[in-house]
């Protein structure tokens, strides 16, 4: 398992936090997600053989947010 921190813009409330959490948890290979609203980041623990950076980025963007780093 690997851990990656994604910097995400556009999150401002608990709904945003849940939307990003659920989007990332929906990516195959993602084991856990912790979203820090005040820091604008998501810490993702995942299996790199299954989950890709592109898949995680796409899931966040599909939920309506933007990955700006990570």
C-alpha atoms as a PDB file:
ATOM      1  CA  UNK A   1       0.000   0.000   0.000  1.00  0.00           C
ATOM      2  CA  UNK A   2       1.051   3.577  -0.650  1.00  0.00           C
ATOM      3  CA  UNK A   3      -0.128   6.886   0.754  1.00  0.00           C
ATOM      4  CA  UNK A   4      -0.537   9.998  -1.359  1.00  0.00           C
ATOM      5  CA  UNK A   5      -1.657  13.507  -0.443  1.00  0.00           C
ATOM      6  CA  UNK A   6      -3.758  15.282  -3.059  1.00  0.00           C
ATOM      7  CA  UNK A   7      -4.180  19.060  -2.878  1.00  0.00           C
ATOM      8  CA  UNK A   8      -7.758  19.818  -3.917  1.00  0.00           C
ATOM      9  CA  UNK A   9      -9.337  23.173  -4.692  1.00  0.00           C
ATOM     10  CA  UNK A  10     -13.018  24.015  -4.465  1.00  0.00           C
ATOM     11  CA  UNK A  11     -13.867  22.322  -1.156  1.00  0.00           C
ATOM     12  CA  UNK A  12     -15.586  24.599   1.339  1.00  0.00           C
ATOM     13  CA  UNK A  13     -18.056  22.582   3.428  1.00  0.00           C
ATOM     14  CA  UNK A  14     -18.886  19.179   4.886  1.00  0.00           C
ATOM     15  CA  UNK A  15     -20.798  18.270   1.716  1.00  0.00           C
ATOM     16  CA  UNK A  16     -17.628  18.928  -0.299  1.00  0.00           C
ATOM     17  CA  UNK A  17     -15.647  16.762   2.096  1.00  0.00           C
ATOM     18  CA  UNK A  18     -18.102  13.871   1.752  1.00  0.00           C
ATOM     19  CA  UNK A  19     -18.294  14.214  -2.034  1.00  0.00           C
ATOM     20  CA  UNK A  20     -14.506  14.001  -2.396  1.00  0.00           C
ATOM     21  CA  UNK A  21     -14.265  11.164   0.143  1.00  0.00           C
ATOM     22  CA  UNK A  22     -16.929   9.123  -1.642  1.00  0.00           C
ATOM     23  CA  UNK A  23     -15.446   9.832  -5.083  1.00  0.00           C
ATOM     24  CA  UNK A  24     -11.997   8.637  -4.030  1.00  0.00           C
ATOM     25  CA  UNK A  25     -13.352   5.604  -2.155  1.00  0.00           C
ATOM     26  CA  UNK A  26     -15.087   4.629  -5.402  1.00  0.00           C
ATOM     27  CA  UNK A  27     -11.738   4.176  -7.159  1.00  0.00           C
ATOM     28  CA  UNK A  28     -10.685   0.532  -7.345  1.00  0.00           C
ATOM     29  CA  UNK A  29      -7.703  -0.113  -5.109  1.00  0.00           C
ATOM     30  CA  UNK A  30      -8.333   2.761  -2.683  1.00  0.00           C
ATOM     31  CA  UNK A  31      -8.286   1.477   0.890  1.00  0.00           C
ATOM     32  CA  UNK A  32      -8.924   4.670   2.880  1.00  0.00           C
ATOM     33  CA  UNK A  33      -9.435   8.405   2.443  1.00  0.00           C
ATOM     34  CA  UNK A  34      -9.073  11.239   4.935  1.00  0.00           C
ATOM     35  CA  UNK A  35     -10.087  14.696   3.762  1.00  0.00           C
ATOM     36  CA  UNK A  36      -8.828  17.760   5.638  1.00  0.00           C
ATOM     37  CA  UNK A  37     -11.183  20.580   4.706  1.00  0.00           C
ATOM     38  CA  UNK A  38      -9.150  23.350   6.363  1.00  0.00           C
ATOM     39  CA  UNK A  39      -5.972  22.320   4.519  1.00  0.00           C
ATOM     40  CA  UNK A  40      -7.731  21.507   1.242  1.00  0.00           C
ATOM     41  CA  UNK A  41      -6.178  18.089   0.941  1.00  0.00           C
ATOM     42  CA  UNK A  42      -7.038  14.418   0.815  1.00  0.00           C
ATOM     43  CA  UNK A  43      -4.751  11.703   2.152  1.00  0.00           C
ATOM     44  CA  UNK A  44      -5.358   8.515   0.193  1.00  0.00           C
ATOM     45  CA  UNK A  45      -4.054   5.043   1.073  1.00  0.00           C
ATOM     46  CA  UNK A  46      -4.162   2.818  -1.999  1.00  0.00           C
ATOM     47  CA  UNK A  47      -2.756  -0.174  -3.847  1.00  0.00           C
ATOM     48  CA  UNK A  48      -0.574   1.284  -6.631  1.00  0.00           C
ATOM     49  CA  UNK A  49      -1.002  -1.900  -8.679  1.00  0.00           C
ATOM     50  CA  UNK A  50      -4.729  -1.160  -8.936  1.00  0.00           C
ATOM     51  CA  UNK A  51      -5.412   2.560  -8.323  1.00  0.00           C
ATOM     52  CA  UNK A  52      -3.691   5.084 -10.584  1.00  0.00           C
ATOM     53  CA  UNK A  53      -3.075   8.801 -10.136  1.00  0.00           C
ATOM     54  CA  UNK A  54      -5.168   9.377 -13.257  1.00  0.00           C
ATOM     55  CA  UNK A  55      -8.124   7.430 -11.825  1.00  0.00           C
ATOM     56  CA  UNK A  56      -8.001   9.342  -8.533  1.00  0.00           C
ATOM     57  CA  UNK A  57      -7.708  12.698 -10.330  1.00  0.00           C
ATOM     58  CA  UNK A  58     -10.606  11.804 -12.644  1.00  0.00           C
ATOM     59  CA  UNK A  59     -12.806  10.792  -9.698  1.00  0.00           C
ATOM     60  CA  UNK A  60     -12.181  14.108  -7.915  1.00  0.00           C
ATOM     61  CA  UNK A  61     -12.832  16.107 -11.091  1.00  0.00           C
ATOM     62  CA  UNK A  62     -15.998  14.135 -11.823  1.00  0.00           C
ATOM     63  CA  UNK A  63     -17.229  15.114  -8.350  1.00  0.00           C
ATOM     64  CA  UNK A  64     -16.750  18.776  -9.322  1.00  0.00           C
ATOM     65  CA  UNK A  65     -13.393  19.638  -7.718  1.00  0.00           C
ATOM     66  CA  UNK A  66      -9.881  20.149  -9.015  1.00  0.00           C
ATOM     67  CA  UNK A  67      -6.660  18.391  -8.039  1.00  0.00           C
ATOM     68  CA  UNK A  68      -4.028  21.131  -7.959  1.00  0.00           C
ATOM     69  CA  UNK A  69      -1.167  19.107  -6.526  1.00  0.00           C
ATOM     70  CA  UNK A  70      -0.126  15.695  -5.346  1.00  0.00           C
END
